[in-house]
Protein backbone atom coordinates (compact mmCIF):
# COMPACT_ATOMS: atom_id res chain seq x y z
CA MET A 1 8.41 6.51 -1.19
CA LEU A 2 9.69 3.52 0.77
CA ASN A 3 13.27 2.54 1.52
CA ILE A 4 13.76 -1.15 2.32
CA ASN A 5 16.92 -2.26 4.10
CA LYS A 6 17.32 -6.02 4.59
CA GLU A 7 19.92 -7.51 6.94
CA LYS A 8 20.25 -11.30 6.92
CA ASN A 9 22.08 -13.01 9.75
CA GLY A 10 21.97 -16.79 9.45
CA ASN A 11 18.29 -17.80 9.57
CA ALA A 12 17.20 -14.34 10.79
CA LEU A 13 16.10 -11.49 8.54
CA LYS A 14 15.66 -7.91 9.76
CA VAL A 15 13.75 -5.58 7.46
CA LYS A 16 14.02 -1.86 8.16
CA LEU A 17 11.38 0.26 6.49
CA GLU A 18 11.66 4.01 6.01
CA GLY A 19 8.91 6.20 4.55
CA ARG A 20 5.37 5.15 3.61
CA LEU A 21 4.03 1.63 3.16
CA ASP A 22 0.98 2.20 0.98
CA THR A 23 -0.73 1.09 -2.23
CA THR A 24 2.22 2.31 -4.31
CA THR A 25 5.01 0.76 -2.25
CA ALA A 26 3.40 -2.43 -0.87
CA PRO A 27 4.00 -4.47 -4.07
CA GLN A 28 7.69 -3.45 -3.93
CA LEU A 29 8.00 -4.77 -0.36
CA GLU A 30 6.08 -7.94 -1.15
CA GLY A 31 8.29 -8.62 -4.17
CA GLU A 32 11.49 -8.15 -2.19
CA LEU A 33 10.35 -10.39 0.65
CA LYS A 34 8.87 -13.28 -1.33
CA ASP A 35 12.32 -14.41 -2.50
CA ALA A 36 14.12 -13.47 0.73
CA LEU A 37 12.14 -15.71 3.12
CA ASP A 38 13.61 -19.07 2.07
CA GLY A 39 15.19 -20.60 5.17
CA VAL A 40 14.26 -17.64 7.39
CA GLU A 41 13.03 -18.68 10.83
CA LYS A 42 12.98 -15.23 12.43
CA LEU A 43 11.62 -12.23 10.54
CA GLU A 44 11.77 -8.83 12.22
CA PHE A 45 10.28 -5.65 10.83
CA ASP A 46 11.87 -2.47 12.16
CA PHE A 47 9.31 0.36 11.85
CA ASN A 48 11.36 3.08 13.63
CA ALA A 49 11.50 5.15 10.43
CA LEU A 50 8.11 4.12 8.99
CA GLU A 51 5.75 7.11 8.84
CA TYR A 52 2.55 5.52 7.53
CA ILE A 53 0.96 2.18 6.72
CA SER A 54 -2.17 1.68 4.57
CA SER A 55 -4.46 -1.32 4.15
CA ALA A 56 -2.21 -2.48 1.29
CA GLY A 57 0.74 -2.48 3.69
CA LEU A 58 -1.30 -4.38 6.28
CA ARG A 59 -2.13 -6.98 3.63
CA VAL A 60 1.60 -7.53 2.99
CA LEU A 61 2.23 -7.92 6.73
CA LEU A 62 -0.60 -10.44 6.98
CA SER A 63 0.78 -12.38 4.03
CA MET A 64 4.26 -12.46 5.60
CA GLN A 65 2.77 -13.52 8.97
CA LYS A 66 1.03 -16.47 7.29
CA ILE A 67 4.31 -17.59 5.72
CA MET A 68 6.22 -17.18 8.99
CA ASN A 69 3.57 -19.10 10.96
CA LYS A 70 4.74 -22.14 8.98
CA GLN A 71 8.50 -21.61 9.24
CA GLY A 72 9.25 -19.53 12.34
CA GLU A 73 8.31 -16.26 13.97
CA MET A 74 7.72 -12.67 12.90
CA THR A 75 7.97 -9.53 15.03
CA VAL A 76 7.30 -5.84 14.47
CA SER A 77 9.32 -3.29 16.45
CA GLY A 78 9.55 0.49 16.61
CA ALA A 79 6.02 1.27 15.39
CA ASN A 80 5.04 4.87 16.12
CA GLU A 81 1.84 5.85 17.93
CA ASP A 82 -0.16 6.33 14.70
CA ILE A 83 0.83 2.93 13.32
CA ARG A 84 0.14 1.25 16.68
CA GLU A 85 -3.33 2.82 16.62
CA ILE A 86 -3.93 1.41 13.12
CA PHE A 87 -2.89 -2.03 14.43
CA GLU A 88 -5.34 -1.67 17.34
CA VAL A 89 -8.30 -0.49 15.23
CA THR A 90 -7.83 -3.18 12.58
CA GLY A 91 -7.23 -6.00 15.07
CA PHE A 92 -3.70 -6.54 13.77
CA SER A 93 -2.42 -6.09 17.32
CA ASP A 94 -3.98 -9.50 18.04
CA ILE A 95 -2.43 -11.11 14.94
CA LEU A 96 1.08 -9.64 14.94
CA ASN A 97 3.80 -9.92 17.57
CA ILE A 98 4.40 -6.21 18.22
CA LEU A 99 7.35 -5.31 20.42
């Protein structure tokens, strides 16, 4: 299960994720973000409550990063040790701006 909490402040969007970002929940996140990114120049993912991310979740992050490369910046904050390790192993730590 994944809870998605979006907070928009002007041209900034903060997305707090709670639970698991996997094959089941990745399409839900992608669907919610596709429409929400119009006019957004700063996209921040808050992973403080995210327990797990799968390759499907990584694909969504990559897709969002490609969009934000054209219109602003994207950051990821609060990733736990396990998720940080996944970013390292997959090379996503070189692609994403991880705080």
